[in-house]
Amino acid sequence: MKISNETKIGVLTAVVITVLILGYSYLSGNDVFSRSNKYYAIYNSVDGLSVSKPVLVNGFQIGRVSSMHLRADGRTVVEFKIDPQYNVPSSTLAQLISTDLLGGKAISFEYGDSKQFAQDKDTLRADIQGSLAESLQPIQMKAERLISKLDSSLAAVNKILNPDFQKNVDRSFNSIANSLQTLEGTTKKIDALVGGQTTHINNIMSNAEVVSDNLKTSTGHLTTVSTNFEKVSDDLANSNIKQTLDNANKTLTDLQATMSKINNGNGSLGLLINDDKMYKNLSDATANLNNLFIDIKAHPKRYVSFSVFGGKKN
């Protein structure tokens, strides 16, 4: 038996139409090949909810939205098709929840503590959960305050990075460097002053050494010749120890007086160390003298005028 092409095309068309119908029914929430329990819930608003949206229990899908009908009072009746293997308690709350920030909706069953189970085509309690955008409003407000504080911080950083502020910082560092250079110069001057007094200090130490030698000699006489104690005592009394110590004390007193005058700014050396103005004047005078020598070398005729014939040229 030969099947005509028209018959083949008709059969193929019927199969395609059947598949399209079954696919549309499945996408619409109608399970064609298995029996499902139907439950209903009534909502004041179903914004974002559509047919075929999932029905969840703790995030697990147990069914889907099969249809929605608007009542005369403005509320919407939503029908759910639930897999019959899942028993739904009669006190279950069908809550309309948000699934993303874009406003997507789904149904979440919150099982109650009732020991009785809802029957097919029963109406469940309904509730609407706030959207994710509404729940994130406190976080959004905190983020806005944080961004405002961050803007203030960035403004402060920009102010710090202002060229005028950088110039002031550079000027401060230059002043510190100049102060350190001045301090270094003062230290060198003090070192030179102490070096100049080395001779006096050496003389004091020599006198002290002579005194120590004399004491050693006297001690030796005391230990070896106890009978000549009075004579040794007279020799020590008549020796130059007292005069040497007096000279040492006088030298130390003169040194302390000299250092005091320098610290108080008395004398040329004291003024040079303590008076920045004198130091600056001396530096300026040296710079001017140096410029004068350079100008004389470059233009000697300005300062020395002579002629072969003795004439003076104005």
C-alpha atoms as a PDB file:
ATOM      1  CA  MET A   1       0.000   0.000   0.000  1.00  0.00           C
ATOM      2  CA  LYS A   2       1.487   3.269  -1.073  1.00  0.00           C
ATOM      3  CA  ILE A   3       0.909   6.362   1.081  1.00  0.00           C
ATOM      4  CA  SER A   4       0.469   9.530  -0.884  1.00  0.00           C
ATOM      5  CA  ASN A   5       2.501  12.684  -0.260  1.00  0.00           C
ATOM      6  CA  GLU A   6      -0.658  14.544   0.736  1.00  0.00           C
ATOM      7  CA  THR A   7      -1.289  12.012   3.521  1.00  0.00           C
ATOM      8  CA  LYS A   8       2.280  12.331   4.799  1.00  0.00           C
ATOM      9  CA  ILE A   9       2.046  16.131   4.836  1.00  0.00           C
ATOM     10  CA  GLY A  10      -1.298  15.966   6.683  1.00  0.00           C
ATOM     11  CA  VAL A  11       0.062  13.606   9.341  1.00  0.00           C
ATOM     12  CA  LEU A  12       3.180  15.727   9.822  1.00  0.00           C
ATOM     13  CA  THR A  13       1.063  18.862  10.126  1.00  0.00           C
ATOM     14  CA  ALA A  14      -1.139  17.226  12.771  1.00  0.00           C
ATOM     15  CA  VAL A  15       1.906  16.123  14.790  1.00  0.00           C
ATOM     16  CA  VAL A  16       3.416  19.611  14.658  1.00  0.00           C
ATOM     17  CA  ILE A  17       0.140  21.211  15.700  1.00  0.00           C
ATOM     18  CA  THR A  18      -0.228  18.699  18.568  1.00  0.00           C
ATOM     19  CA  VAL A  19       3.318  19.405  19.780  1.00  0.00           C
ATOM     20  CA  LEU A  20       2.679  23.161  19.604  1.00  0.00           C
ATOM     21  CA  ILE A  21      -0.531  22.821  21.588  1.00  0.00           C
ATOM     22  CA  LEU A  22       1.080  20.628  24.225  1.00  0.00           C
ATOM     23  CA  GLY A  23       4.084  22.990  24.485  1.00  0.00           C
ATOM     24  CA  TYR A  24       1.856  26.021  24.826  1.00  0.00           C
ATOM     25  CA  SER A  25      -0.200  24.274  27.478  1.00  0.00           C
ATOM     26  CA  TYR A  26       2.944  23.361  29.422  1.00  0.00           C
ATOM     27  CA  LEU A  27       4.278  26.903  29.232  1.00  0.00           C
ATOM     28  CA  SER A  28       0.879  28.161  30.367  1.00  0.00           C
ATOM     29  CA  GLY A  29       1.135  26.057  33.515  1.00  0.00           C
ATOM     30  CA  ASN A  30      -1.022  23.137  32.381  1.00  0.00           C
ATOM     31  CA  ASP A  31       0.550  19.736  32.941  1.00  0.00           C
ATOM     32  CA  VAL A  32      -1.035  17.619  30.210  1.00  0.00           C
ATOM     33  CA  PHE A  33       0.422  14.213  31.048  1.00  0.00           C
ATOM     34  CA  SER A  34      -0.044  14.143  34.820  1.00  0.00           C
ATOM     35  CA  ARG A  35      -2.802  15.001  37.251  1.00  0.00           C
ATOM     36  CA  SER A  36      -2.214  18.029  39.507  1.00  0.00           C
ATOM     37  CA  ASN A  37      -3.996  19.412  42.522  1.00  0.00           C
ATOM     38  CA  LYS A  38      -5.439  22.872  42.095  1.00  0.00           C
ATOM     39  CA  TYR A  39      -5.382  25.507  44.797  1.00  0.00           C
ATOM     40  CA  TYR A  40      -6.512  29.109  44.777  1.00  0.00           C
ATOM     41  CA  ALA A  41      -5.545  32.354  46.478  1.00  0.00           C
ATOM     42  CA  ILE A  42      -6.980  35.872  46.209  1.00  0.00           C
ATOM     43  CA  TYR A  43      -4.685  38.905  46.066  1.00  0.00           C
ATOM     44  CA  ASN A  44      -5.332  42.628  46.082  1.00  0.00           C
ATOM     45  CA  SER A  45      -2.440  43.149  43.652  1.00  0.00           C
ATOM     46  CA  VAL A  46      -0.468  40.722  41.483  1.00  0.00           C
ATOM     47  CA  ASP A  47       1.981  43.206  39.988  1.00  0.00           C
ATOM     48  CA  GLY A  48       4.824  41.252  38.310  1.00  0.00           C
ATOM     49  CA  LEU A  49       3.119  37.843  38.588  1.00  0.00           C
ATOM     50  CA  SER A  50       2.225  35.918  35.441  1.00  0.00           C
ATOM     51  CA  VAL A  51       1.066  32.478  34.350  1.00  0.00           C
ATOM     52  CA  SER A  52       3.707  29.698  34.615  1.00  0.00           C
ATOM     53  CA  LYS A  53       5.551  31.441  37.461  1.00  0.00           C
ATOM     54  CA  PRO A  54       6.892  28.878  39.967  1.00  0.00           C
ATOM     55  CA  VAL A  55       5.353  27.918  43.290  1.00  0.00           C
ATOM     56  CA  LEU A  56       8.133  27.415  45.845  1.00  0.00           C
ATOM     57  CA  VAL A  57       8.540  25.891  49.289  1.00  0.00           C
ATOM     58  CA  ASN A  58      11.790  27.015  50.891  1.00  0.00           C
ATOM     59  CA  GLY A  59      13.153  27.673  47.399  1.00  0.00           C
ATOM     60  CA  PHE A  60      12.114  24.269  45.996  1.00  0.00           C
ATOM     61  CA  GLN A  61       9.555  24.282  43.156  1.00  0.00           C
ATOM     62  CA  ILE A  62       6.492  22.117  43.746  1.00  0.00           C
ATOM     63  CA  GLY A  63       4.210  23.605  41.087  1.00  0.00           C
ATOM     64  CA  ARG A  64       3.384  26.621  39.026  1.00  0.00           C
ATOM     65  CA  VAL A  65       0.785  29.337  38.470  1.00  0.00           C
ATOM     66  CA  SER A  66      -1.755  27.949  36.015  1.00  0.00           C
ATOM     67  CA  SER A  67      -4.178  30.868  35.565  1.00  0.00           C
ATOM     68  CA  MET A  68      -5.290  34.257  36.887  1.00  0.00           C
ATOM     69  CA  HIS A  69      -8.771  35.821  36.824  1.00  0.00           C
ATOM     70  CA  LEU A  70      -9.833  39.346  37.802  1.00  0.00           C
ATOM     71  CA  ARG A  71     -12.888  39.557  40.029  1.00  0.00           C
ATOM     72  CA  ALA A  72     -15.531  42.260  39.988  1.00  0.00           C
ATOM     73  CA  ASP A  73     -14.187  43.789  43.233  1.00  0.00           C
ATOM     74  CA  GLY A  74     -10.754  44.384  41.633  1.00  0.00           C
ATOM     75  CA  ARG A  75      -8.985  41.508  43.369  1.00  0.00           C
ATOM     76  CA  THR A  76      -7.324  38.705  41.443  1.00  0.00           C
ATOM     77  CA  VAL A  77      -7.896  34.977  41.832  1.00  0.00           C
ATOM     78  CA  VAL A  78      -4.725  33.006  41.179  1.00  0.00           C
ATOM     79  CA  GLU A  79      -4.841  29.288  40.441  1.00  0.00           C
ATOM     80  CA  PHE A  80      -1.914  27.011  41.326  1.00  0.00           C
ATOM     81  CA  LYS A  81      -1.242  23.501  40.019  1.00  0.00           C
ATOM     82  CA  ILE A  82       0.723  21.490  42.552  1.00  0.00           C
ATOM     83  CA  ASP A  83       2.300  18.057  42.082  1.00  0.00           C
ATOM     84  CA  PRO A  84       0.026  15.612  43.924  1.00  0.00           C
ATOM     85  CA  GLN A  85       2.968  13.976  45.709  1.00  0.00           C
ATOM     86  CA  TYR A  86       3.267  17.092  47.909  1.00  0.00           C
ATOM     87  CA  ASN A  87       0.683  17.495  50.662  1.00  0.00           C
ATOM     88  CA  VAL A  88      -0.199  21.101  51.437  1.00  0.00           C
ATOM     89  CA  PRO A  89      -1.444  21.861  54.989  1.00  0.00           C
ATOM     90  CA  SER A  90      -4.741  23.676  55.139  1.00  0.00           C
ATOM     91  CA  SER A  91      -3.158  26.591  57.077  1.00  0.00           C
ATOM     92  CA  THR A  92      -0.565  27.227  54.347  1.00  0.00           C
ATOM     93  CA  LEU A  93       0.090  30.884  53.468  1.00  0.00           C
ATOM     94  CA  ALA A  94       0.508  31.565  49.734  1.00  0.00           C
ATOM     95  CA  GLN A  95       2.818  34.565  49.739  1.00  0.00           C
ATOM     96  CA  LEU A  96       3.559  36.669  46.679  1.00  0.00           C
ATOM     97  CA  ILE A  97       7.326  37.354  46.792  1.00  0.00           C
ATOM     98  CA  SER A  98       9.915  39.178  44.689  1.00  0.00           C
ATOM     99  CA  THR A  99      12.593  37.074  43.018  1.00  0.00           C
ATOM    100  CA  ASP A 100      14.873  39.820  41.681  1.00  0.00           C
ATOM    101  CA  LEU A 101      15.463  43.576  41.662  1.00  0.00           C
ATOM    102  CA  LEU A 102      13.696  43.903  38.308  1.00  0.00           C
ATOM    103  CA  GLY A 103      10.300  43.126  39.820  1.00  0.00           C
ATOM    104  CA  GLY A 104      10.012  39.402  38.994  1.00  0.00           C
ATOM    105  CA  LYS A 105       7.446  37.588  41.173  1.00  0.00           C
ATOM    106  CA  ALA A 106       6.784  34.063  42.375  1.00  0.00           C
ATOM    107  CA  ILE A 107       4.549  32.272  44.894  1.00  0.00           C
ATOM    108  CA  SER A 108       6.064  30.921  48.102  1.00  0.00           C
ATOM    109  CA  PHE A 109       4.103  28.461  50.243  1.00  0.00           C
ATOM    110  CA  GLU A 110       4.701  28.806  53.969  1.00  0.00           C
ATOM    111  CA  TYR A 111       3.373  25.652  55.529  1.00  0.00           C
ATOM    112  CA  GLY A 112       1.290  26.080  58.662  1.00  0.00           C
ATOM    113  CA  ASP A 113       1.230  23.818  61.689  1.00  0.00           C
ATOM    114  CA  SER A 114      -2.161  22.327  60.799  1.00  0.00           C
ATOM    115  CA  LYS A 115      -2.317  18.529  60.712  1.00  0.00           C
ATOM    116  CA  GLN A 116      -5.076  18.624  58.095  1.00  0.00           C
ATOM    117  CA  PHE A 117      -4.192  18.920  54.418  1.00  0.00           C
ATOM    118  CA  ALA A 118      -5.877  21.167  51.889  1.00  0.00           C
ATOM    119  CA  GLN A 119      -8.087  19.430  49.363  1.00  0.00           C
ATOM    120  CA  ASP A 120      -8.122  19.911  45.632  1.00  0.00           C
ATOM    121  CA  LYS A 121      -9.572  23.320  44.639  1.00  0.00           C
ATOM    122  CA  ASP A 122      -9.301  24.738  48.190  1.00  0.00           C
ATOM    123  CA  THR A 123      -8.567  28.434  48.687  1.00  0.00           C
ATOM    124  CA  LEU A 124      -5.427  29.214  50.674  1.00  0.00           C
ATOM    125  CA  ARG A 125      -4.555  32.271  52.718  1.00  0.00           C
ATOM    126  CA  ALA A 126      -2.817  34.971  50.660  1.00  0.00           C
ATOM    127  CA  ASP A 127      -0.212  37.572  51.507  1.00  0.00           C
ATOM    128  CA  ILE A 128       2.050  39.995  49.627  1.00  0.00           C
ATOM    129  CA  GLN A 129       5.666  40.458  50.634  1.00  0.00           C
ATOM    130  CA  GLY A 130       7.401  43.797  50.126  1.00  0.00           C
ATOM    131  CA  SER A 131       9.578  44.078  47.045  1.00  0.00           C
ATOM    132  CA  LEU A 132      13.353  43.723  47.190  1.00  0.00           C
ATOM    133  CA  ALA A 133      13.676  47.358  46.231  1.00  0.00           C
ATOM    134  CA  GLU A 134      11.622  48.359  49.278  1.00  0.00           C
ATOM    135  CA  SER A 135      13.649  46.100  51.588  1.00  0.00           C
ATOM    136  CA  LEU A 136      16.857  47.581  50.223  1.00  0.00           C
ATOM    137  CA  GLN A 137      15.782  51.168  50.867  1.00  0.00           C
ATOM    138  CA  PRO A 138      17.578  51.400  54.275  1.00  0.00           C
ATOM    139  CA  ILE A 139      20.740  50.060  52.643  1.00  0.00           C
ATOM    140  CA  GLN A 140      20.301  52.535  49.820  1.00  0.00           C
ATOM    141  CA  MET A 141      19.990  55.411  52.285  1.00  0.00           C
ATOM    142  CA  LYS A 142      23.152  54.297  54.107  1.00  0.00           C
ATOM    143  CA  ALA A 143      24.953  53.991  50.776  1.00  0.00           C
ATOM    144  CA  GLU A 144      23.890  57.512  49.822  1.00  0.00           C
ATOM    145  CA  ARG A 145      25.178  58.881  53.169  1.00  0.00           C
ATOM    146  CA  LEU A 146      28.432  56.960  52.669  1.00  0.00           C
ATOM    147  CA  ILE A 147      28.824  58.371  49.162  1.00  0.00           C
ATOM    148  CA  SER A 148      28.202  61.870  50.526  1.00  0.00           C
ATOM    149  CA  LYS A 149      30.946  61.412  53.147  1.00  0.00           C
ATOM    150  CA  LEU A 150      33.210  59.966  50.462  1.00  0.00           C
ATOM    151  CA  ASP A 151      32.611  63.057  48.313  1.00  0.00           C
ATOM    152  CA  SER A 152      33.591  65.257  51.278  1.00  0.00           C
ATOM    153  CA  SER A 153      36.746  63.202  51.809  1.00  0.00           C
ATOM    154  CA  LEU A 154      37.651  63.467  48.138  1.00  0.00           C
ATOM    155  CA  ALA A 155      37.078  67.214  48.284  1.00  0.00           C
ATOM    156  CA  ALA A 156      39.453  67.425  51.269  1.00  0.00           C
ATOM    157  CA  VAL A 157      42.036  65.352  49.373  1.00  0.00           C
ATOM    158  CA  ASN A 158      41.693  67.626  46.347  1.00  0.00           C
ATOM    159  CA  LYS A 159      42.188  70.614  48.611  1.00  0.00           C
ATOM    160  CA  ILE A 160      45.357  69.039  50.014  1.00  0.00           C
ATOM    161  CA  LEU A 161      46.614  68.378  46.495  1.00  0.00           C
ATOM    162  CA  ASN A 162      45.974  72.017  45.586  1.00  0.00           C
ATOM    163  CA  PRO A 163      49.080  73.612  43.967  1.00  0.00           C
ATOM    164  CA  ASP A 164      49.057  76.466  46.510  1.00  0.00           C
ATOM    165  CA  PHE A 165      49.106  73.950  49.377  1.00  0.00           C
ATOM    166  CA  GLN A 166      51.988  72.097  47.724  1.00  0.00           C
ATOM    167  CA  LYS A 167      53.885  75.370  47.390  1.00  0.00           C
ATOM    168  CA  ASN A 168      53.384  76.061  51.099  1.00  0.00           C
ATOM    169  CA  VAL A 169      54.654  72.566  51.936  1.00  0.00           C
ATOM    170  CA  ASP A 170      57.702  73.055  49.720  1.00  0.00           C
ATOM    171  CA  ARG A 171      58.334  76.426  51.340  1.00  0.00           C
ATOM    172  CA  SER A 172      58.117  74.839  54.799  1.00  0.00           C
ATOM    173  CA  PHE A 173      60.603  72.124  53.859  1.00  0.00           C
ATOM    174  CA  ASN A 174      62.954  74.741  52.431  1.00  0.00           C
ATOM    175  CA  SER A 175      62.742  76.689  55.691  1.00  0.00           C
ATOM    176  CA  ILE A 176      63.519  73.520  57.658  1.00  0.00           C
ATOM    177  CA  ALA A 177      66.501  72.813  55.402  1.00  0.00           C
ATOM    178  CA  ASN A 178      67.796  76.347  55.888  1.00  0.00           C
ATOM    179  CA  SER A 179      67.387  76.015  59.658  1.00  0.00           C
ATOM    180  CA  LEU A 180      69.343  72.762  59.628  1.00  0.00           C
ATOM    181  CA  GLN A 181      72.116  74.388  57.595  1.00  0.00           C
ATOM    182  CA  THR A 182      72.278  77.277  60.065  1.00  0.00           C
ATOM    183  CA  LEU A 183      72.390  74.802  62.960  1.00  0.00           C
ATOM    184  CA  GLU A 184      75.193  72.913  61.248  1.00  0.00           C
ATOM    185  CA  GLY A 185      77.170  76.138  60.802  1.00  0.00           C
ATOM    186  CA  THR A 186      76.664  77.028  64.469  1.00  0.00           C
ATOM    187  CA  THR A 187      77.871  73.570  65.522  1.00  0.00           C
ATOM    188  CA  LYS A 188      81.002  73.966  63.423  1.00  0.00           C
ATOM    189  CA  LYS A 189      81.661  77.336  65.057  1.00  0.00           C
ATOM    190  CA  ILE A 190      81.284  75.848  68.522  1.00  0.00           C
ATOM    191  CA  ASP A 191      83.669  73.039  67.542  1.00  0.00           C
ATOM    192  CA  ALA A 192      86.179  75.629  66.362  1.00  0.00           C
ATOM    193  CA  LEU A 193      85.780  77.580  69.610  1.00  0.00           C
ATOM    194  CA  VAL A 194      86.351  74.471  71.701  1.00  0.00           C
ATOM    195  CA  GLY A 195      89.375  73.640  69.521  1.00  0.00           C
ATOM    196  CA  GLY A 196      90.783  77.079  70.239  1.00  0.00           C
ATOM    197  CA  GLN A 197      90.601  76.389  73.974  1.00  0.00           C
ATOM    198  CA  THR A 198      92.378  73.040  73.661  1.00  0.00           C
ATOM    199  CA  THR A 199      95.712  74.559  74.744  1.00  0.00           C
ATOM    200  CA  HIS A 200      94.229  75.858  77.977  1.00  0.00           C
ATOM    201  CA  ILE A 201      92.575  72.541  78.656  1.00  0.00           C
ATOM    202  CA  ASN A 202      95.867  70.726  77.987  1.00  0.00           C
ATOM    203  CA  ASN A 203      97.667  73.057  80.407  1.00  0.00           C
ATOM    204  CA  ILE A 204      95.058  72.319  83.051  1.00  0.00           C
ATOM    205  CA  MET A 205      95.471  68.595  82.516  1.00  0.00           C
ATOM    206  CA  SER A 206      99.298  68.953  82.671  1.00  0.00           C
ATOM    207  CA  ASN A 207      99.049  70.847  85.944  1.00  0.00           C
ATOM    208  CA  ALA A 208      96.733  68.184  87.286  1.00  0.00           C
ATOM    209  CA  GLU A 209      99.206  65.513  86.225  1.00  0.00           C
ATOM    210  CA  VAL A 210     102.032  67.354  88.007  1.00  0.00           C
ATOM    211  CA  VAL A 211      99.882  67.545  91.098  1.00  0.00           C
ATOM    212  CA  SER A 212      99.187  63.825  90.846  1.00  0.00           C
ATOM    213  CA  ASP A 213     102.910  63.067  90.499  1.00  0.00           C
ATOM    214  CA  ASN A 214     103.673  65.225  93.489  1.00  0.00           C
ATOM    215  CA  LEU A 215     100.996  63.406  95.485  1.00  0.00           C
ATOM    216  CA  LYS A 216     102.482  60.072  94.503  1.00  0.00           C
ATOM    217  CA  THR A 217     105.953  61.176  95.543  1.00  0.00           C
ATOM    218  CA  SER A 218     104.630  62.535  98.800  1.00  0.00           C
ATOM    219  CA  THR A 219     102.733  59.303  99.431  1.00  0.00           C
ATOM    220  CA  GLY A 220     105.901  57.335  98.796  1.00  0.00           C
ATOM    221  CA  HIS A 221     107.784  59.402 101.351  1.00  0.00           C
ATOM    222  CA  LEU A 222     104.938  58.906 103.840  1.00  0.00           C
ATOM    223  CA  THR A 223     105.008  55.138 103.450  1.00  0.00           C
ATOM    224  CA  THR A 224     108.826  54.828 103.584  1.00  0.00           C
ATOM    225  CA  VAL A 225     109.735  57.552 106.040  1.00  0.00           C
ATOM    226  CA  SER A 226     107.151  57.778 108.765  1.00  0.00           C
ATOM    227  CA  THR A 227     109.540  59.622 111.067  1.00  0.00           C
ATOM    228  CA  ASN A 228     109.772  62.549 108.621  1.00  0.00           C
ATOM    229  CA  PHE A 229     105.988  63.071 108.529  1.00  0.00           C
ATOM    230  CA  GLU A 230     106.121  66.629 109.782  1.00  0.00           C
ATOM    231  CA  LYS A 231     108.891  67.520 107.338  1.00  0.00           C
ATOM    232  CA  VAL A 232     106.936  66.071 104.426  1.00  0.00           C
ATOM    233  CA  SER A 233     103.865  67.945 105.601  1.00  0.00           C
ATOM    234  CA  ASP A 234     105.827  71.169 105.656  1.00  0.00           C
ATOM    235  CA  ASP A 235     107.175  70.461 102.168  1.00  0.00           C
ATOM    236  CA  LEU A 236     103.637  69.831 100.908  1.00  0.00           C
ATOM    237  CA  ALA A 237     102.415  73.014 102.561  1.00  0.00           C
ATOM    238  CA  ASN A 238     105.245  74.990 100.986  1.00  0.00           C
ATOM    239  CA  SER A 239     104.835  73.408  97.560  1.00  0.00           C
ATOM    240  CA  ASN A 240     103.014  74.990  94.557  1.00  0.00           C
ATOM    241  CA  ILE A 241      99.932  72.745  94.699  1.00  0.00           C
ATOM    242  CA  LYS A 242      97.687  75.495  95.962  1.00  0.00           C
ATOM    243  CA  GLN A 243      98.943  77.923  93.326  1.00  0.00           C
ATOM    244  CA  THR A 244      98.451  75.308  90.588  1.00  0.00           C
ATOM    245  CA  LEU A 245      94.879  74.584  91.697  1.00  0.00           C
ATOM    246  CA  ASP A 246      94.183  78.286  91.900  1.00  0.00           C
ATOM    247  CA  ASN A 247      95.491  78.707  88.364  1.00  0.00           C
ATOM    248  CA  ALA A 248      93.305  75.808  87.207  1.00  0.00           C
ATOM    249  CA  ASN A 249      90.238  77.273  88.886  1.00  0.00           C
ATOM    250  CA  LYS A 250      90.970  80.673  87.385  1.00  0.00           C
ATOM    251  CA  THR A 251      91.340  79.163  83.924  1.00  0.00           C
ATOM    252  CA  LEU A 252      88.025  77.285  84.277  1.00  0.00           C
ATOM    253  CA  THR A 253      86.369  80.487  85.517  1.00  0.00           C
ATOM    254  CA  ASP A 254      87.726  82.405  82.498  1.00  0.00           C
ATOM    255  CA  LEU A 255      86.479  79.656  80.167  1.00  0.00           C
ATOM    256  CA  GLN A 256      83.003  79.736  81.735  1.00  0.00           C
ATOM    257  CA  ALA A 257      82.908  83.541  81.463  1.00  0.00           C
ATOM    258  CA  THR A 258      83.922  83.359  77.795  1.00  0.00           C
ATOM    259  CA  MET A 259      81.198  80.762  77.011  1.00  0.00           C
ATOM    260  CA  SER A 260      78.620  82.839  78.913  1.00  0.00           C
ATOM    261  CA  LYS A 261      79.498  85.950  76.886  1.00  0.00           C
ATOM    262  CA  ILE A 262      79.196  83.958  73.665  1.00  0.00           C
ATOM    263  CA  ASN A 263      75.794  82.535  74.694  1.00  0.00           C
ATOM    264  CA  ASN A 264      74.579  86.018  75.735  1.00  0.00           C
ATOM    265  CA  GLY A 265      75.611  87.473  72.352  1.00  0.00           C
ATOM    266  CA  ASN A 266      78.417  89.653  73.718  1.00  0.00           C
ATOM    267  CA  GLY A 267      81.360  90.350  71.443  1.00  0.00           C
ATOM    268  CA  SER A 268      81.760  89.677  67.731  1.00  0.00           C
ATOM    269  CA  LEU A 269      81.821  85.898  68.102  1.00  0.00           C
ATOM    270  CA  GLY A 270      78.671  85.926  70.272  1.00  0.00           C
ATOM    271  CA  LEU A 271      76.846  88.134  67.810  1.00  0.00           C
ATOM    272  CA  LEU A 272      77.953  85.967  64.914  1.00  0.00           C
ATOM    273  CA  ILE A 273      76.612  82.829  66.615  1.00  0.00           C
ATOM    274  CA  ASN A 274      73.397  84.207  68.141  1.00  0.00           C
ATOM    275  CA  ASP A 275      72.439  87.084  65.832  1.00  0.00           C
ATOM    276  CA  ASP A 276      71.051  85.819  62.518  1.00  0.00           C
ATOM    277  CA  LYS A 277      70.968  89.404  61.233  1.00  0.00           C
ATOM    278  CA  MET A 278      74.708  89.854  61.679  1.00  0.00           C
ATOM    279  CA  TYR A 279      75.302  86.510  59.989  1.00  0.00           C
ATOM    280  CA  LYS A 280      73.059  87.573  57.091  1.00  0.00           C
ATOM    281  CA  ASN A 281      74.784  90.951  56.796  1.00  0.00           C
ATOM    282  CA  LEU A 282      78.164  89.248  56.701  1.00  0.00           C
ATOM    283  CA  SER A 283      76.910  86.853  54.020  1.00  0.00           C
ATOM    284  CA  ASP A 284      75.465  89.765  51.986  1.00  0.00           C
ATOM    285  CA  ALA A 285      78.728  91.728  52.331  1.00  0.00           C
ATOM    286  CA  THR A 286      80.710  88.722  51.121  1.00  0.00           C
ATOM    287  CA  ALA A 287      78.334  88.248  48.177  1.00  0.00           C
ATOM    288  CA  ASN A 288      78.585  91.967  47.244  1.00  0.00           C
ATOM    289  CA  LEU A 289      82.403  91.861  47.458  1.00  0.00           C
ATOM    290  CA  ASN A 290      82.421  88.781  45.259  1.00  0.00           C
ATOM    291  CA  ASN A 291      80.171  90.523  42.693  1.00  0.00           C
ATOM    292  CA  LEU A 292      82.522  93.565  42.803  1.00  0.00           C
ATOM    293  CA  PHE A 293      85.556  91.399  42.035  1.00  0.00           C
ATOM    294  CA  ILE A 294      83.699  89.748  39.168  1.00  0.00           C
ATOM    295  CA  ASP A 295      82.679  93.140  37.741  1.00  0.00           C
ATOM    296  CA  ILE A 296      86.273  94.518  38.065  1.00  0.00           C
ATOM    297  CA  LYS A 297      87.575  91.471  36.251  1.00  0.00           C
ATOM    298  CA  ALA A 298      84.971  91.808  33.488  1.00  0.00           C
ATOM    299  CA  HIS A 299      85.127  95.645  33.163  1.00  0.00           C
ATOM    300  CA  PRO A 300      88.504  96.910  34.458  1.00  0.00           C
ATOM    301  CA  LYS A 301      88.168 100.221  32.578  1.00  0.00           C
ATOM    302  CA  ARG A 302      85.303 101.264  34.831  1.00  0.00           C
ATOM    303  CA  TYR A 303      87.700 101.373  37.802  1.00  0.00           C
ATOM    304  CA  VAL A 304      91.206 102.002  36.315  1.00  0.00           C
ATOM    305  CA  SER A 305      91.585 104.620  33.546  1.00  0.00           C
ATOM    306  CA  PHE A 306      94.961 105.356  31.859  1.00  0.00           C
ATOM    307  CA  SER A 307      96.189 106.689  28.499  1.00  0.00           C
ATOM    308  CA  VAL A 308      99.464 106.303  26.612  1.00  0.00           C
ATOM    309  CA  PHE A 309      99.717 110.067  26.098  1.00  0.00           C
ATOM    310  CA  GLY A 310      98.616 111.002  29.571  1.00  0.00           C
ATOM    311  CA  GLY A 311      95.280 112.315  28.472  1.00  0.00           C
ATOM    312  CA  LYS A 312      92.117 111.515  30.465  1.00  0.00           C
ATOM    313  CA  LYS A 313      89.151 110.340  28.557  1.00  0.00           C
ATOM    314  CA  ASN A 314      85.730 111.170  29.979  1.00  0.00           C
END
